[in-house]
Amino acid sequence: MAALNLSPITPSTTKIGWIGIGIMGSAMASRLLSAGYSLTIYARTPSKADPLLALGAHLAASPADVAKSSDVVFTMLGHPQDVRQIVLTKKTGVLSGLSSNGVVIDHTSSHPELAKEIFAAAREKDCWAIDAPVSGGDVGARNGNLVIFAGGERSVVNWLLPLLEIMGSKVSFMGGPGSGLSCKIANQIMVGANLVGLSEGLVFAGKAGLDRRGWMEAVRGGAAGSMVMELFGQKMIDRDYDPGGITEYIVKDIGMGLDFAEGRKGGDEDEVVVIPGASLSKQLFVGIVANGDGKVGIQGLISVIERINGI
């Protein structure tokens, strides 16, 4: 690996680019602006950039133009194909405009193999790429207490800590390129399982004649308690399905885990990954999408369990 030669990060000297200003990306970018960093942004729908422009961000015409104005470019997009287009497209993509020793850091829940491809392409340009998906939803993004899983070159991740710690309360280095994304996929498999359990627990408690708020208060301090319960339990009870984490995205994330497991079939027995719970939770989330509600929050899973039970 080439020697790292990057100047210390400071608000007065480090220029930041940001691409992807949805629910999560906008909140994360806002925290960098509030910390005094200069931000250049790109939005496929320019009107969505207005709140960040009002905070002092600058709008660029293309991802390449963002990169030309930046030392570090963050991306927070929806799907792996979006990441490929934004980062790797010739002439207009991020890497086409990034200068030597520039860094692109992708927060998207994308595919580990794509992260490896982007890392290799970045190194060919004497640049760096880090995959750093997050967990914590919109609340964590607004409050700056996301959990960040980083993959790539450890020394680059360490260099980025002054920026990452503005957005996250915990940054974990997971290994080489793609490792952050593999960690996020495993995280989403667990989140999905927890949401199934919480939904079924709430429905059962209601059917048994219990007050659902009282039930949740009773169990949250024991083994059944979880961060999923803290983030989504009350929203489920209130039928508040506004998105923090979007259903169609968790379908994508768990699906990537299942694709990985399926791809291991035919190899050595020790390499086979059997994850039946993930298959079940994905099927239930797909039910939400099939009903036309793919943009609702992942806590909407309880609506599927309620429909199964005639509620």
C-alpha atoms as a PDB file:
ATOM      1  CA  MET A   1       0.000   0.000   0.000  1.00  0.00           C
ATOM      2  CA  ALA A   2       1.248   3.470  -0.920  1.00  0.00           C
ATOM      3  CA  ALA A   3       2.322   5.758   1.890  1.00  0.00           C
ATOM      4  CA  LEU A   4      -0.406   8.018   3.222  1.00  0.00           C
ATOM      5  CA  ASN A   5       0.252  11.709   2.736  1.00  0.00           C
ATOM      6  CA  LEU A   6      -2.780  13.689   3.848  1.00  0.00           C
ATOM      7  CA  SER A   7      -2.902  17.063   5.584  1.00  0.00           C
ATOM      8  CA  PRO A   8      -4.686  17.314   8.938  1.00  0.00           C
ATOM      9  CA  ILE A   9      -8.435  17.889   8.683  1.00  0.00           C
ATOM     10  CA  THR A  10      -9.662  21.312   9.829  1.00  0.00           C
ATOM     11  CA  PRO A  11     -12.750  23.397   8.986  1.00  0.00           C
ATOM     12  CA  SER A  12     -10.554  26.174   7.571  1.00  0.00           C
ATOM     13  CA  THR A  13      -8.489  24.000   5.214  1.00  0.00           C
ATOM     14  CA  THR A  14     -10.481  20.843   4.356  1.00  0.00           C
ATOM     15  CA  LYS A  15     -13.050  21.162   1.580  1.00  0.00           C
ATOM     16  CA  ILE A  16     -15.971  18.759   1.745  1.00  0.00           C
ATOM     17  CA  GLY A  17     -18.282  17.469  -0.971  1.00  0.00           C
ATOM     18  CA  TRP A  18     -21.610  15.766  -0.334  1.00  0.00           C
ATOM     19  CA  ILE A  19     -23.844  13.812  -2.716  1.00  0.00           C
ATOM     20  CA  GLY A  20     -27.133  12.342  -1.530  1.00  0.00           C
ATOM     21  CA  ILE A  21     -29.410  14.626   0.475  1.00  0.00           C
ATOM     22  CA  GLY A  22     -32.336  12.452   1.437  1.00  0.00           C
ATOM     23  CA  ILE A  23     -33.525  11.980   5.007  1.00  0.00           C
ATOM     24  CA  MET A  24     -30.194  10.660   6.262  1.00  0.00           C
ATOM     25  CA  GLY A  25     -27.789  12.501   3.986  1.00  0.00           C
ATOM     26  CA  SER A  26     -29.311  15.917   4.582  1.00  0.00           C
ATOM     27  CA  ALA A  27     -29.111  15.523   8.362  1.00  0.00           C
ATOM     28  CA  MET A  28     -25.509  14.296   8.220  1.00  0.00           C
ATOM     29  CA  ALA A  29     -24.413  17.059   5.854  1.00  0.00           C
ATOM     30  CA  SER A  30     -26.086  19.652   8.065  1.00  0.00           C
ATOM     31  CA  ARG A  31     -23.931  18.570  10.992  1.00  0.00           C
ATOM     32  CA  LEU A  32     -20.754  19.173   8.960  1.00  0.00           C
ATOM     33  CA  LEU A  33     -21.997  22.634   7.989  1.00  0.00           C
ATOM     34  CA  SER A  34     -22.808  23.396  11.622  1.00  0.00           C
ATOM     35  CA  ALA A  35     -19.257  22.350  12.546  1.00  0.00           C
ATOM     36  CA  GLY A  36     -17.896  25.051  10.244  1.00  0.00           C
ATOM     37  CA  TYR A  37     -16.918  23.026   7.176  1.00  0.00           C
ATOM     38  CA  SER A  38     -17.381  24.348   3.658  1.00  0.00           C
ATOM     39  CA  LEU A  39     -19.691  22.045   1.713  1.00  0.00           C
ATOM     40  CA  THR A  40     -20.210  21.634  -2.017  1.00  0.00           C
ATOM     41  CA  ILE A  41     -23.213  19.470  -2.872  1.00  0.00           C
ATOM     42  CA  TYR A  42     -24.821  17.851  -5.897  1.00  0.00           C
ATOM     43  CA  ALA A  43     -28.501  16.977  -6.167  1.00  0.00           C
ATOM     44  CA  ARG A  44     -30.225  15.269  -9.068  1.00  0.00           C
ATOM     45  CA  THR A  45     -33.286  17.298  -8.016  1.00  0.00           C
ATOM     46  CA  PRO A  46     -31.758  20.742  -7.293  1.00  0.00           C
ATOM     47  CA  SER A  47     -34.786  22.008  -5.329  1.00  0.00           C
ATOM     48  CA  LYS A  48     -34.044  19.393  -2.639  1.00  0.00           C
ATOM     49  CA  ALA A  49     -30.794  21.224  -1.951  1.00  0.00           C
ATOM     50  CA  ASP A  50     -32.527  24.419  -0.788  1.00  0.00           C
ATOM     51  CA  PRO A  51     -32.342  23.707   2.988  1.00  0.00           C
ATOM     52  CA  LEU A  52     -28.593  23.029   2.797  1.00  0.00           C
ATOM     53  CA  LEU A  53     -28.008  26.030   0.525  1.00  0.00           C
ATOM     54  CA  ALA A  54     -29.739  28.160   3.144  1.00  0.00           C
ATOM     55  CA  LEU A  55     -27.142  26.918   5.649  1.00  0.00           C
ATOM     56  CA  GLY A  56     -24.267  27.961   3.379  1.00  0.00           C
ATOM     57  CA  ALA A  57     -23.650  24.986   1.110  1.00  0.00           C
ATOM     58  CA  HIS A  58     -22.742  25.494  -2.554  1.00  0.00           C
ATOM     59  CA  LEU A  59     -24.442  23.647  -5.423  1.00  0.00           C
ATOM     60  CA  ALA A  60     -22.379  21.989  -8.163  1.00  0.00           C
ATOM     61  CA  ALA A  61     -23.521  20.886 -11.614  1.00  0.00           C
ATOM     62  CA  SER A  62     -22.204  17.297 -11.475  1.00  0.00           C
ATOM     63  CA  PRO A  63     -20.529  14.779  -9.156  1.00  0.00           C
ATOM     64  CA  ALA A  64     -17.238  15.491 -10.953  1.00  0.00           C
ATOM     65  CA  ASP A  65     -17.615  19.201 -10.201  1.00  0.00           C
ATOM     66  CA  VAL A  66     -18.196  18.386  -6.530  1.00  0.00           C
ATOM     67  CA  ALA A  67     -14.979  16.351  -6.526  1.00  0.00           C
ATOM     68  CA  LYS A  68     -12.982  19.090  -8.236  1.00  0.00           C
ATOM     69  CA  SER A  69     -13.913  21.431  -5.373  1.00  0.00           C
ATOM     70  CA  SER A  70     -13.313  18.926  -2.557  1.00  0.00           C
ATOM     71  CA  ASP A  71     -10.662  17.056  -0.608  1.00  0.00           C
ATOM     72  CA  VAL A  72     -13.207  14.556   0.707  1.00  0.00           C
ATOM     73  CA  VAL A  73     -16.458  13.585  -1.033  1.00  0.00           C
ATOM     74  CA  PHE A  74     -19.221  11.828   0.913  1.00  0.00           C
ATOM     75  CA  THR A  75     -21.983   9.870  -0.795  1.00  0.00           C
ATOM     76  CA  MET A  76     -25.237   8.734   0.837  1.00  0.00           C
ATOM     77  CA  LEU A  77     -27.416   7.217  -1.867  1.00  0.00           C
ATOM     78  CA  GLY A  78     -30.203   4.693  -2.221  1.00  0.00           C
ATOM     79  CA  HIS A  79     -28.926   1.696  -4.149  1.00  0.00           C
ATOM     80  CA  PRO A  80     -25.653   0.189  -5.397  1.00  0.00           C
ATOM     81  CA  GLN A  81     -26.486   1.194  -8.974  1.00  0.00           C
ATOM     82  CA  ASP A  82     -26.733   4.812  -7.801  1.00  0.00           C
ATOM     83  CA  VAL A  83     -23.292   4.550  -6.206  1.00  0.00           C
ATOM     84  CA  ARG A  84     -21.815   3.076  -9.382  1.00  0.00           C
ATOM     85  CA  GLN A  85     -23.256   5.862 -11.509  1.00  0.00           C
ATOM     86  CA  ILE A  86     -22.310   8.723  -9.179  1.00  0.00           C
ATOM     87  CA  VAL A  87     -18.788   7.516  -8.402  1.00  0.00           C
ATOM     88  CA  LEU A  88     -17.554   5.597 -11.443  1.00  0.00           C
ATOM     89  CA  THR A  89     -19.175   7.222 -14.502  1.00  0.00           C
ATOM     90  CA  LYS A  90     -16.456   8.509 -16.826  1.00  0.00           C
ATOM     91  CA  LYS A  91     -16.192  12.306 -17.194  1.00  0.00           C
ATOM     92  CA  THR A  92     -19.044  13.106 -14.762  1.00  0.00           C
ATOM     93  CA  GLY A  93     -18.423  10.727 -11.833  1.00  0.00           C
ATOM     94  CA  VAL A  94     -16.690  11.560  -8.566  1.00  0.00           C
ATOM     95  CA  LEU A  95     -13.480   9.739  -9.400  1.00  0.00           C
ATOM     96  CA  SER A  96     -13.155  11.576 -12.707  1.00  0.00           C
ATOM     97  CA  GLY A  97     -12.869  14.872 -10.826  1.00  0.00           C
ATOM     98  CA  LEU A  98     -11.017  13.869  -7.664  1.00  0.00           C
ATOM     99  CA  SER A  99      -7.426  15.075  -7.329  1.00  0.00           C
ATOM    100  CA  SER A 100      -4.513  12.945  -6.144  1.00  0.00           C
ATOM    101  CA  ASN A 101      -4.914  11.911  -2.485  1.00  0.00           C
ATOM    102  CA  GLY A 102      -8.595  12.826  -2.593  1.00  0.00           C
ATOM    103  CA  VAL A 103     -10.955  10.569  -0.645  1.00  0.00           C
ATOM    104  CA  VAL A 104     -14.434   9.327  -1.470  1.00  0.00           C
ATOM    105  CA  ILE A 105     -16.343   7.885   1.472  1.00  0.00           C
ATOM    106  CA  ASP A 106     -19.593   6.070   0.773  1.00  0.00           C
ATOM    107  CA  HIS A 107     -22.212   5.858   3.527  1.00  0.00           C
ATOM    108  CA  THR A 108     -24.721   4.056   1.302  1.00  0.00           C
ATOM    109  CA  SER A 109     -25.827   0.552   2.269  1.00  0.00           C
ATOM    110  CA  SER A 110     -24.306  -0.814  -0.904  1.00  0.00           C
ATOM    111  CA  HIS A 111     -22.671  -4.035  -2.090  1.00  0.00           C
ATOM    112  CA  PRO A 112     -19.277  -5.134  -0.696  1.00  0.00           C
ATOM    113  CA  GLU A 113     -18.037  -6.179  -4.142  1.00  0.00           C
ATOM    114  CA  LEU A 114     -18.797  -2.720  -5.534  1.00  0.00           C
ATOM    115  CA  ALA A 115     -16.835  -1.170  -2.664  1.00  0.00           C
ATOM    116  CA  LYS A 116     -13.831  -3.293  -3.631  1.00  0.00           C
ATOM    117  CA  GLU A 117     -14.190  -2.158  -7.245  1.00  0.00           C
ATOM    118  CA  ILE A 118     -14.361   1.504  -6.243  1.00  0.00           C
ATOM    119  CA  PHE A 119     -11.355   1.116  -3.934  1.00  0.00           C
ATOM    120  CA  ALA A 120      -9.286  -0.345  -6.783  1.00  0.00           C
ATOM    121  CA  ALA A 121     -10.401   2.391  -9.188  1.00  0.00           C
ATOM    122  CA  ALA A 122      -9.531   5.070  -6.620  1.00  0.00           C
ATOM    123  CA  ARG A 123      -6.055   3.663  -6.050  1.00  0.00           C
ATOM    124  CA  GLU A 124      -5.416   3.731  -9.811  1.00  0.00           C
ATOM    125  CA  LYS A 125      -5.894   7.513  -9.537  1.00  0.00           C
ATOM    126  CA  ASP A 126      -3.754   7.775  -6.390  1.00  0.00           C
ATOM    127  CA  CYS A 127      -6.953   8.435  -4.429  1.00  0.00           C
ATOM    128  CA  TRP A 128      -8.661   6.576  -1.595  1.00  0.00           C
ATOM    129  CA  ALA A 129     -12.104   5.036  -1.102  1.00  0.00           C
ATOM    130  CA  ILE A 130     -13.785   4.060   2.165  1.00  0.00           C
ATOM    131  CA  ASP A 131     -17.081   2.206   2.603  1.00  0.00           C
ATOM    132  CA  ALA A 132     -18.722   3.437   5.801  1.00  0.00           C
ATOM    133  CA  PRO A 133     -22.427   2.553   6.120  1.00  0.00           C
ATOM    134  CA  VAL A 134     -24.246   3.699   9.225  1.00  0.00           C
ATOM    135  CA  SER A 135     -26.851   2.526  11.712  1.00  0.00           C
ATOM    136  CA  GLY A 136     -29.110   4.669  13.858  1.00  0.00           C
ATOM    137  CA  GLY A 137     -31.758   6.012  11.494  1.00  0.00           C
ATOM    138  CA  ASP A 138     -32.856   9.593  11.062  1.00  0.00           C
ATOM    139  CA  VAL A 139     -32.747  10.269  14.812  1.00  0.00           C
ATOM    140  CA  GLY A 140     -29.112   9.198  14.986  1.00  0.00           C
ATOM    141  CA  ALA A 141     -28.295  11.279  11.911  1.00  0.00           C
ATOM    142  CA  ARG A 142     -29.828  14.428  13.395  1.00  0.00           C
ATOM    143  CA  ASN A 143     -28.253  13.933  16.815  1.00  0.00           C
ATOM    144  CA  GLY A 144     -24.811  12.897  15.587  1.00  0.00           C
ATOM    145  CA  ASN A 145     -24.858   9.537  17.345  1.00  0.00           C
ATOM    146  CA  LEU A 146     -24.845   7.180  14.396  1.00  0.00           C
ATOM    147  CA  VAL A 147     -22.803   3.996  14.561  1.00  0.00           C
ATOM    148  CA  ILE A 148     -20.412   3.877  11.589  1.00  0.00           C
ATOM    149  CA  PHE A 149     -18.864   0.707  10.148  1.00  0.00           C
ATOM    150  CA  ALA A 150     -15.752   1.489   8.092  1.00  0.00           C
ATOM    151  CA  GLY A 151     -13.909  -0.614   5.542  1.00  0.00           C
ATOM    152  CA  GLY A 152     -10.837   0.217   3.475  1.00  0.00           C
ATOM    153  CA  GLU A 153      -7.409   1.462   4.573  1.00  0.00           C
ATOM    154  CA  ARG A 154      -7.212   1.882   8.358  1.00  0.00           C
ATOM    155  CA  SER A 155      -4.896   4.907   8.224  1.00  0.00           C
ATOM    156  CA  VAL A 156      -7.363   6.745   5.964  1.00  0.00           C
ATOM    157  CA  VAL A 157     -10.246   5.947   8.320  1.00  0.00           C
ATOM    158  CA  ASN A 158      -8.182   7.295  11.224  1.00  0.00           C
ATOM    159  CA  TRP A 159      -7.469  10.443   9.214  1.00  0.00           C
ATOM    160  CA  LEU A 160     -11.217  10.883   8.603  1.00  0.00           C
ATOM    161  CA  LEU A 161     -12.170  10.592  12.291  1.00  0.00           C
ATOM    162  CA  PRO A 162     -12.544  14.375  12.842  1.00  0.00           C
ATOM    163  CA  LEU A 163     -15.339  14.304  10.248  1.00  0.00           C
ATOM    164  CA  LEU A 164     -16.861  10.940  11.102  1.00  0.00           C
ATOM    165  CA  GLU A 165     -17.093  11.788  14.790  1.00  0.00           C
ATOM    166  CA  ILE A 166     -19.256  14.806  13.973  1.00  0.00           C
ATOM    167  CA  MET A 167     -21.849  12.393  12.605  1.00  0.00           C
ATOM    168  CA  GLY A 168     -21.306   9.286  14.700  1.00  0.00           C
ATOM    169  CA  SER A 169     -20.798   8.415  18.348  1.00  0.00           C
ATOM    170  CA  LYS A 170     -18.935   5.221  17.447  1.00  0.00           C
ATOM    171  CA  VAL A 171     -16.695   4.488  14.465  1.00  0.00           C
ATOM    172  CA  SER A 172     -15.585   0.875  14.063  1.00  0.00           C
ATOM    173  CA  PHE A 173     -12.893  -0.153  11.581  1.00  0.00           C
ATOM    174  CA  MET A 174     -13.985  -3.531  10.218  1.00  0.00           C
ATOM    175  CA  GLY A 175     -11.198  -4.428   7.778  1.00  0.00           C
ATOM    176  CA  GLY A 176     -10.365  -4.053   4.096  1.00  0.00           C
ATOM    177  CA  PRO A 177     -12.568  -2.711   1.288  1.00  0.00           C
ATOM    178  CA  GLY A 178     -16.152  -3.959   1.553  1.00  0.00           C
ATOM    179  CA  SER A 179     -15.859  -4.936   5.222  1.00  0.00           C
ATOM    180  CA  GLY A 180     -17.941  -1.995   6.415  1.00  0.00           C
ATOM    181  CA  LEU A 181     -20.737  -3.016   4.070  1.00  0.00           C
ATOM    182  CA  SER A 182     -20.592  -6.661   5.110  1.00  0.00           C
ATOM    183  CA  CYS A 183     -20.952  -5.456   8.702  1.00  0.00           C
ATOM    184  CA  LYS A 184     -23.979  -3.345   7.754  1.00  0.00           C
ATOM    185  CA  ILE A 185     -25.661  -6.264   5.990  1.00  0.00           C
ATOM    186  CA  ALA A 186     -25.227  -8.418   9.117  1.00  0.00           C
ATOM    187  CA  ASN A 187     -26.584  -5.481  11.148  1.00  0.00           C
ATOM    188  CA  GLN A 188     -29.681  -5.291   8.947  1.00  0.00           C
ATOM    189  CA  ILE A 189     -30.279  -9.026   9.237  1.00  0.00           C
ATOM    190  CA  MET A 190     -30.427  -8.534  13.030  1.00  0.00           C
ATOM    191  CA  VAL A 191     -32.574  -5.399  12.775  1.00  0.00           C
ATOM    192  CA  GLY A 192     -35.047  -7.271  10.585  1.00  0.00           C
ATOM    193  CA  ALA A 193     -35.258 -10.139  13.056  1.00  0.00           C
ATOM    194  CA  ASN A 194     -35.758  -7.724  15.951  1.00  0.00           C
ATOM    195  CA  LEU A 195     -38.546  -5.909  14.102  1.00  0.00           C
ATOM    196  CA  VAL A 196     -40.331  -9.215  13.453  1.00  0.00           C
ATOM    197  CA  GLY A 197     -40.079 -10.140  17.133  1.00  0.00           C
ATOM    198  CA  LEU A 198     -41.184  -6.707  18.344  1.00  0.00           C
ATOM    199  CA  SER A 199     -44.141  -6.668  15.922  1.00  0.00           C
ATOM    200  CA  GLU A 200     -45.289 -10.117  16.990  1.00  0.00           C
ATOM    201  CA  GLY A 201     -44.804  -9.298  20.671  1.00  0.00           C
ATOM    202  CA  LEU A 202     -46.940  -6.164  20.393  1.00  0.00           C
ATOM    203  CA  VAL A 203     -49.669  -7.961  18.432  1.00  0.00           C
ATOM    204  CA  PHE A 204     -49.710 -10.899  20.858  1.00  0.00           C
ATOM    205  CA  ALA A 205     -49.828  -8.562  23.871  1.00  0.00           C
ATOM    206  CA  GLY A 206     -52.791  -6.706  22.383  1.00  0.00           C
ATOM    207  CA  LYS A 207     -54.641  -9.904  21.522  1.00  0.00           C
ATOM    208  CA  ALA A 208     -54.037 -11.155  25.091  1.00  0.00           C
ATOM    209  CA  GLY A 209     -55.768  -8.065  26.450  1.00  0.00           C
ATOM    210  CA  LEU A 210     -52.658  -6.280  27.681  1.00  0.00           C
ATOM    211  CA  ASP A 211     -52.081  -2.571  27.355  1.00  0.00           C
ATOM    212  CA  ARG A 212     -49.349  -2.471  24.715  1.00  0.00           C
ATOM    213  CA  ARG A 213     -47.572   0.543  26.223  1.00  0.00           C
ATOM    214  CA  GLY A 214     -47.610  -1.121  29.617  1.00  0.00           C
ATOM    215  CA  TRP A 215     -46.282  -4.343  28.111  1.00  0.00           C
ATOM    216  CA  MET A 216     -43.415  -2.555  26.434  1.00  0.00           C
ATOM    217  CA  GLU A 217     -42.500  -0.711  29.642  1.00  0.00           C
ATOM    218  CA  ALA A 218     -42.521  -4.017  31.511  1.00  0.00           C
ATOM    219  CA  VAL A 219     -40.177  -5.867  29.152  1.00  0.00           C
ATOM    220  CA  ARG A 220     -37.869  -3.163  27.858  1.00  0.00           C
ATOM    221  CA  GLY A 221     -35.460  -3.470  30.801  1.00  0.00           C
ATOM    222  CA  GLY A 222     -35.097  -7.228  30.431  1.00  0.00           C
ATOM    223  CA  ALA A 223     -33.725  -9.570  27.805  1.00  0.00           C
ATOM    224  CA  ALA A 224     -36.419  -8.533  25.307  1.00  0.00           C
ATOM    225  CA  GLY A 225     -35.279  -4.913  25.365  1.00  0.00           C
ATOM    226  CA  SER A 226     -33.346  -3.635  22.359  1.00  0.00           C
ATOM    227  CA  MET A 227     -32.361  -0.500  20.488  1.00  0.00           C
ATOM    228  CA  VAL A 228     -34.973  -1.481  17.903  1.00  0.00           C
ATOM    229  CA  MET A 229     -37.594  -1.282  20.644  1.00  0.00           C
ATOM    230  CA  GLU A 230     -36.310   2.118  21.763  1.00  0.00           C
ATOM    231  CA  LEU A 231     -36.304   3.519  18.240  1.00  0.00           C
ATOM    232  CA  PHE A 232     -39.508   1.994  16.893  1.00  0.00           C
ATOM    233  CA  GLY A 233     -41.689   0.548  19.667  1.00  0.00           C
ATOM    234  CA  GLN A 234     -43.723   3.667  20.406  1.00  0.00           C
ATOM    235  CA  LYS A 235     -43.981   4.463  16.708  1.00  0.00           C
ATOM    236  CA  MET A 236     -45.455   1.011  16.107  1.00  0.00           C
ATOM    237  CA  ILE A 237     -48.011   1.520  18.867  1.00  0.00           C
ATOM    238  CA  ASP A 238     -48.936   4.938  17.464  1.00  0.00           C
ATOM    239  CA  ARG A 239     -48.982   3.621  13.867  1.00  0.00           C
ATOM    240  CA  ASP A 240     -46.438   6.286  13.007  1.00  0.00           C
ATOM    241  CA  TYR A 241     -44.783   4.924   9.894  1.00  0.00           C
ATOM    242  CA  ASP A 242     -42.894   8.043   8.835  1.00  0.00           C
ATOM    243  CA  PRO A 243     -39.559   6.859   7.455  1.00  0.00           C
ATOM    244  CA  GLY A 244     -36.303   6.941   9.336  1.00  0.00           C
ATOM    245  CA  GLY A 245     -35.142   3.756   7.712  1.00  0.00           C
ATOM    246  CA  ILE A 246     -37.090   3.058   4.509  1.00  0.00           C
ATOM    247  CA  THR A 247     -38.669  -0.357   3.933  1.00  0.00           C
ATOM    248  CA  GLU A 248     -37.476  -0.812   0.359  1.00  0.00           C
ATOM    249  CA  TYR A 249     -33.912  -0.223   1.559  1.00  0.00           C
ATOM    250  CA  ILE A 250     -33.996  -2.948   4.201  1.00  0.00           C
ATOM    251  CA  VAL A 251     -35.380  -5.297   1.550  1.00  0.00           C
ATOM    252  CA  LYS A 252     -32.313  -4.410  -0.527  1.00  0.00           C
ATOM    253  CA  ASP A 253     -29.911  -4.835   2.408  1.00  0.00           C
ATOM    254  CA  ILE A 254     -31.218  -8.200   3.586  1.00  0.00           C
ATOM    255  CA  GLY A 255     -31.434  -9.268  -0.041  1.00  0.00           C
ATOM    256  CA  MET A 256     -27.711  -8.616  -0.487  1.00  0.00           C
ATOM    257  CA  GLY A 257     -27.054 -10.873   2.498  1.00  0.00           C
ATOM    258  CA  LEU A 258     -29.219 -13.610   0.998  1.00  0.00           C
ATOM    259  CA  ASP A 259     -27.484 -13.198  -2.363  1.00  0.00           C
ATOM    260  CA  PHE A 260     -24.140 -13.664  -0.620  1.00  0.00           C
ATOM    261  CA  ALA A 261     -25.397 -16.784   1.137  1.00  0.00           C
ATOM    262  CA  GLU A 262     -26.824 -18.168  -2.121  1.00  0.00           C
ATOM    263  CA  GLY A 263     -23.545 -17.459  -3.908  1.00  0.00           C
ATOM    264  CA  ARG A 264     -21.699 -19.667  -1.452  1.00  0.00           C
ATOM    265  CA  LYS A 265     -23.668 -22.778  -2.386  1.00  0.00           C
ATOM    266  CA  GLY A 266     -21.563 -25.302  -4.211  1.00  0.00           C
ATOM    267  CA  GLY A 267     -18.404 -24.338  -2.349  1.00  0.00           C
ATOM    268  CA  ASP A 268     -16.816 -25.974   0.652  1.00  0.00           C
ATOM    269  CA  GLU A 269     -19.259 -26.912   3.377  1.00  0.00           C
ATOM    270  CA  ASP A 270     -17.564 -24.541   5.822  1.00  0.00           C
ATOM    271  CA  GLU A 271     -18.331 -21.618   3.488  1.00  0.00           C
ATOM    272  CA  VAL A 272     -22.096 -22.195   3.264  1.00  0.00           C
ATOM    273  CA  VAL A 273     -24.156 -19.511   5.044  1.00  0.00           C
ATOM    274  CA  VAL A 274     -27.689 -20.549   6.051  1.00  0.00           C
ATOM    275  CA  ILE A 275     -29.825 -17.631   7.277  1.00  0.00           C
ATOM    276  CA  PRO A 276     -33.492 -18.757   7.307  1.00  0.00           C
ATOM    277  CA  GLY A 277     -34.599 -15.937   9.595  1.00  0.00           C
ATOM    278  CA  ALA A 278     -33.361 -13.385   7.074  1.00  0.00           C
ATOM    279  CA  SER A 279     -35.419 -15.070   4.361  1.00  0.00           C
ATOM    280  CA  LEU A 280     -38.537 -14.795   6.519  1.00  0.00           C
ATOM    281  CA  SER A 281     -38.034 -11.168   7.482  1.00  0.00           C
ATOM    282  CA  LYS A 282     -37.315 -10.186   3.882  1.00  0.00           C
ATOM    283  CA  GLN A 283     -40.526 -11.897   2.782  1.00  0.00           C
ATOM    284  CA  LEU A 284     -42.506  -9.903   5.349  1.00  0.00           C
ATOM    285  CA  PHE A 285     -40.887  -6.613   4.325  1.00  0.00           C
ATOM    286  CA  VAL A 286     -41.548  -7.453   0.670  1.00  0.00           C
ATOM    287  CA  GLY A 287     -45.225  -7.658   1.641  1.00  0.00           C
ATOM    288  CA  ILE A 288     -45.120  -3.972   2.583  1.00  0.00           C
ATOM    289  CA  VAL A 289     -43.499  -3.047  -0.723  1.00  0.00           C
ATOM    290  CA  ALA A 290     -46.015  -5.155  -2.655  1.00  0.00           C
ATOM    291  CA  ASN A 291     -48.810  -3.135  -1.055  1.00  0.00           C
ATOM    292  CA  GLY A 292     -47.285   0.041  -2.502  1.00  0.00           C
ATOM    293  CA  ASP A 293     -45.783   1.175   0.804  1.00  0.00           C
ATOM    294  CA  GLY A 294     -42.086   0.724   0.070  1.00  0.00           C
ATOM    295  CA  LYS A 295     -41.308   4.282   1.190  1.00  0.00           C
ATOM    296  CA  VAL A 296     -42.737   3.881   4.704  1.00  0.00           C
ATOM    297  CA  GLY A 297     -40.515   3.373   7.712  1.00  0.00           C
ATOM    298  CA  ILE A 298     -39.335  -0.130   8.566  1.00  0.00           C
ATOM    299  CA  GLN A 299     -41.490  -0.038  11.729  1.00  0.00           C
ATOM    300  CA  GLY A 300     -44.417  -0.501   9.329  1.00  0.00           C
ATOM    301  CA  LEU A 301     -43.637  -4.219   9.510  1.00  0.00           C
ATOM    302  CA  ILE A 302     -46.155  -4.461  12.338  1.00  0.00           C
ATOM    303  CA  SER A 303     -48.905  -3.646   9.832  1.00  0.00           C
ATOM    304  CA  VAL A 304     -48.156  -6.937   8.029  1.00  0.00           C
ATOM    305  CA  ILE A 305     -48.403  -8.932  11.270  1.00  0.00           C
ATOM    306  CA  GLU A 306     -51.623  -7.102  12.141  1.00  0.00           C
ATOM    307  CA  ARG A 307     -53.166  -7.908   8.745  1.00  0.00           C
ATOM    308  CA  ILE A 308     -52.243 -11.584   9.140  1.00  0.00           C
ATOM    309  CA  ASN A 309     -54.120 -11.485  12.477  1.00  0.00           C
ATOM    310  CA  GLY A 310     -57.149  -9.662  11.104  1.00  0.00           C
ATOM    311  CA  ILE A 311     -56.380  -6.392  12.875  1.00  0.00           C
END
